[in-house]
């Protein structure tokens, strides 16, 4: 059996540079996770995994550590183009149940719209695994209330980062991440 994270935290960042890879590195620095060896994983929050503050989570990481992350990233070198990256979170009320994370990356959406979309996606994935009935045609605010009133989903949230493409055409990278701590 592989390692199961006990904690996770959310972070985000922006980087701008003439080189694409360097702009991504600067976004990692902005998020505070540049010194980790990042391994992308899919979207399950293990049962009982606790959400920490970014500050507390960063204190628990060590340089060079293999770090499992659900990562949303986006980049542009088009002046003024709005790049967006968002992570949605849905945590079940029962500690024995697993939760969901979602990644969303797009262009042109506001932080609020992208964050709501990512949060809705995570909550919908969790709700469907729990058998919570809902109307997918209702807007997020209505579904959020339904999800919470069942008592099966206790927390939904998101972290979203956007940035306009640099006016001089530098690469602009945005990231949002859920970082697991073993």
Protein backbone atom coordinates (compact mmCIF):
# COMPACT_ATOMS: atom_id res chain seq x y z
CA UNK A 1 0.00 0.00 0.00
CA UNK A 2 1.30 3.45 -0.87
CA UNK A 3 1.42 6.49 1.38
CA UNK A 4 -1.87 8.16 2.32
CA UNK A 5 -1.76 11.91 3.01
CA UNK A 6 -2.98 13.10 6.40
CA UNK A 7 -3.13 16.80 5.50
CA UNK A 8 -3.41 19.12 2.53
CA UNK A 9 -3.35 22.85 1.90
CA UNK A 10 -4.30 25.18 -0.94
CA UNK A 11 -1.98 27.65 -2.61
CA UNK A 12 -1.76 29.75 -5.78
CA UNK A 13 0.73 31.84 -7.70
CA UNK A 14 1.65 33.90 -10.77
CA UNK A 15 4.90 34.09 -12.72
CA UNK A 16 6.01 36.18 -15.70
CA UNK A 17 9.13 35.63 -17.78
CA UNK A 18 10.30 35.58 -21.40
CA UNK A 19 10.69 31.78 -21.14
CA UNK A 20 7.61 29.58 -20.67
CA UNK A 21 9.29 27.19 -18.20
CA UNK A 22 10.73 30.03 -16.14
CA UNK A 23 7.29 31.66 -15.87
CA UNK A 24 5.95 28.36 -14.46
CA UNK A 25 8.87 28.18 -11.99
CA UNK A 26 8.11 31.74 -10.87
CA UNK A 27 4.44 30.80 -10.37
CA UNK A 28 5.61 27.89 -8.17
CA UNK A 29 7.77 30.35 -6.21
CA UNK A 30 4.84 32.71 -5.83
CA UNK A 31 2.82 29.77 -4.44
CA UNK A 32 5.69 28.80 -2.11
CA UNK A 33 6.21 25.26 -3.46
CA UNK A 34 9.16 25.74 -5.83
CA UNK A 35 11.51 23.61 -3.70
CA UNK A 36 9.34 20.48 -3.90
CA UNK A 37 9.57 17.62 -6.39
CA UNK A 38 5.99 17.80 -7.56
CA UNK A 39 4.10 14.70 -8.61
CA UNK A 40 0.69 15.35 -10.16
CA UNK A 41 -2.09 13.17 -8.80
CA UNK A 42 -5.81 12.92 -9.45
CA UNK A 43 -8.62 14.30 -7.43
CA UNK A 44 -9.31 12.27 -4.26
CA UNK A 45 -9.07 13.73 -0.76
CA UNK A 46 -8.32 10.68 1.42
CA UNK A 47 -10.73 9.89 4.28
CA UNK A 48 -9.90 12.05 7.31
CA UNK A 49 -7.37 14.19 5.41
CA UNK A 50 -7.41 17.60 7.10
CA UNK A 51 -7.29 20.96 5.30
CA UNK A 52 -4.55 23.18 6.78
CA UNK A 53 -3.68 26.83 6.26
CA UNK A 54 -1.04 27.49 3.62
CA UNK A 55 1.36 28.74 6.27
CA UNK A 56 1.03 25.60 8.42
CA UNK A 57 1.33 23.34 5.35
CA UNK A 58 4.47 25.07 4.05
CA UNK A 59 6.11 24.62 7.47
CA UNK A 60 5.66 20.85 7.12
CA UNK A 61 7.40 20.52 3.72
CA UNK A 62 11.12 19.95 3.24
CA UNK A 63 13.21 21.01 0.21
CA UNK A 64 13.49 18.20 -2.34
CA UNK A 65 10.60 16.25 -0.84
CA UNK A 66 8.46 14.22 -3.26
CA UNK A 67 5.20 16.17 -3.00
CA UNK A 68 1.85 14.99 -4.33
CA UNK A 69 -0.21 17.83 -5.78
CA UNK A 70 -3.49 18.32 -7.62
CA UNK A 71 -2.43 21.14 -9.94
CA UNK A 72 -4.34 23.48 -12.21
CA UNK A 73 -2.09 25.56 -14.44
CA UNK A 74 -2.46 27.87 -17.39
CA UNK A 75 -0.15 30.13 -19.39
CA UNK A 76 -0.33 32.74 -22.10
CA UNK A 77 2.05 35.00 -23.97
CA UNK A 78 -0.79 37.00 -25.53
CA UNK A 79 -0.88 40.55 -24.16
CA UNK A 80 -3.91 41.18 -21.91
CA UNK A 81 -5.35 37.65 -22.28
CA UNK A 82 -6.79 36.55 -18.93
CA UNK A 83 -5.40 33.16 -17.85
CA UNK A 84 -7.12 31.38 -14.96
CA UNK A 85 -6.39 28.28 -12.84
CA UNK A 86 -8.65 27.00 -10.05
CA UNK A 87 -8.91 24.08 -7.63
CA UNK A 88 -12.31 23.12 -6.18
CA UNK A 89 -12.71 21.20 -2.92
CA UNK A 90 -15.58 19.11 -1.55
CA UNK A 91 -15.20 17.43 1.85
CA UNK A 92 -17.73 14.89 3.16
CA UNK A 93 -19.06 15.10 6.73
CA UNK A 94 -18.13 11.48 7.52
CA UNK A 95 -14.39 11.10 8.21
CA UNK A 96 -14.54 7.56 6.78
CA UNK A 97 -15.57 8.90 3.36
CA UNK A 98 -13.26 10.41 0.74
CA UNK A 99 -13.69 13.84 -0.81
CA UNK A 100 -12.94 15.36 -4.19
CA UNK A 101 -10.69 18.00 -5.69
CA UNK A 102 -11.17 19.38 -9.19
CA UNK A 103 -8.85 21.28 -11.48
CA UNK A 104 -10.13 23.95 -13.83
CA UNK A 105 -8.02 25.99 -16.22
CA UNK A 106 -9.47 28.41 -18.71
CA UNK A 107 -9.19 31.84 -20.29
CA UNK A 108 -11.32 34.92 -19.77
CA UNK A 109 -13.36 33.85 -16.72
CA UNK A 110 -13.47 35.99 -13.61
CA UNK A 111 -11.95 34.53 -10.45
CA UNK A 112 -15.44 34.15 -8.97
CA UNK A 113 -16.87 32.33 -12.01
CA UNK A 114 -13.85 30.01 -12.32
CA UNK A 115 -13.81 29.32 -8.58
CA UNK A 116 -17.53 28.57 -8.50
CA UNK A 117 -17.14 26.26 -11.49
CA UNK A 118 -14.27 24.31 -9.87
CA UNK A 119 -16.08 24.12 -6.53
CA UNK A 120 -19.29 22.96 -8.23
CA UNK A 121 -17.38 20.31 -10.17
CA UNK A 122 -15.79 18.87 -7.00
CA UNK A 123 -19.10 18.95 -5.09
CA UNK A 124 -20.98 17.34 -7.98
CA UNK A 125 -18.45 14.51 -8.23
CA UNK A 126 -18.76 13.91 -4.49
CA UNK A 127 -22.57 14.16 -4.52
CA UNK A 128 -22.91 11.61 -7.32
CA UNK A 129 -20.76 9.07 -5.44
CA UNK A 130 -22.91 9.59 -2.33
CA UNK A 131 -26.23 9.26 -4.15
CA UNK A 132 -27.36 12.81 -3.34
CA UNK A 133 -30.21 13.68 -5.73
CA UNK A 134 -29.90 17.05 -7.43
CA UNK A 135 -30.89 18.85 -10.61
CA UNK A 136 -27.78 19.56 -12.69
CA UNK A 137 -29.66 22.39 -14.43
CA UNK A 138 -29.90 24.44 -11.21
CA UNK A 139 -27.21 27.04 -10.67
CA UNK A 140 -24.30 26.46 -8.30
CA UNK A 141 -25.72 28.50 -5.41
CA UNK A 142 -28.92 26.42 -5.37
CA UNK A 143 -27.04 23.11 -5.62
CA UNK A 144 -24.58 24.22 -2.93
CA UNK A 145 -27.52 24.70 -0.53
CA UNK A 146 -28.95 21.28 -1.44
CA UNK A 147 -25.57 19.60 -0.92
CA UNK A 148 -25.08 21.25 2.48
CA UNK A 149 -28.62 20.59 3.75
CA UNK A 150 -28.22 16.84 3.20
CA UNK A 151 -25.55 16.92 5.92
CA UNK A 152 -23.33 14.67 3.78
CA UNK A 153 -21.06 17.42 2.44
CA UNK A 154 -19.74 19.78 5.12
CA UNK A 155 -17.26 21.91 3.22
CA UNK A 156 -16.82 23.21 -0.28
CA UNK A 157 -14.29 25.83 -1.22
CA UNK A 158 -11.90 26.83 -3.99
CA UNK A 159 -8.64 28.61 -4.63
CA UNK A 160 -8.31 30.54 -7.87
CA UNK A 161 -5.52 32.50 -9.51
CA UNK A 162 -5.86 34.68 -12.58
CA UNK A 163 -3.56 37.11 -14.35
CA UNK A 164 -3.62 39.13 -17.53
CA UNK A 165 -1.00 38.30 -20.11
CA UNK A 166 1.99 40.62 -19.91
CA UNK A 167 1.58 43.68 -22.10
CA UNK A 168 5.02 43.09 -23.69
CA UNK A 169 4.31 39.45 -24.51
CA UNK A 170 6.20 37.75 -21.68
CA UNK A 171 4.88 34.32 -20.70
CA UNK A 172 2.40 34.68 -17.87
CA UNK A 173 1.70 31.49 -15.89
CA UNK A 174 -0.91 30.95 -13.18
CA UNK A 175 -1.25 27.97 -10.87
CA UNK A 176 -3.65 26.80 -8.19
CA UNK A 177 -2.77 23.72 -6.18
CA UNK A 178 -3.91 21.36 -3.47
CA UNK A 179 -0.69 20.14 -1.85
CA UNK A 180 -0.74 16.85 0.10
CA UNK A 181 1.41 16.23 3.17
CA UNK A 182 2.19 12.67 4.20
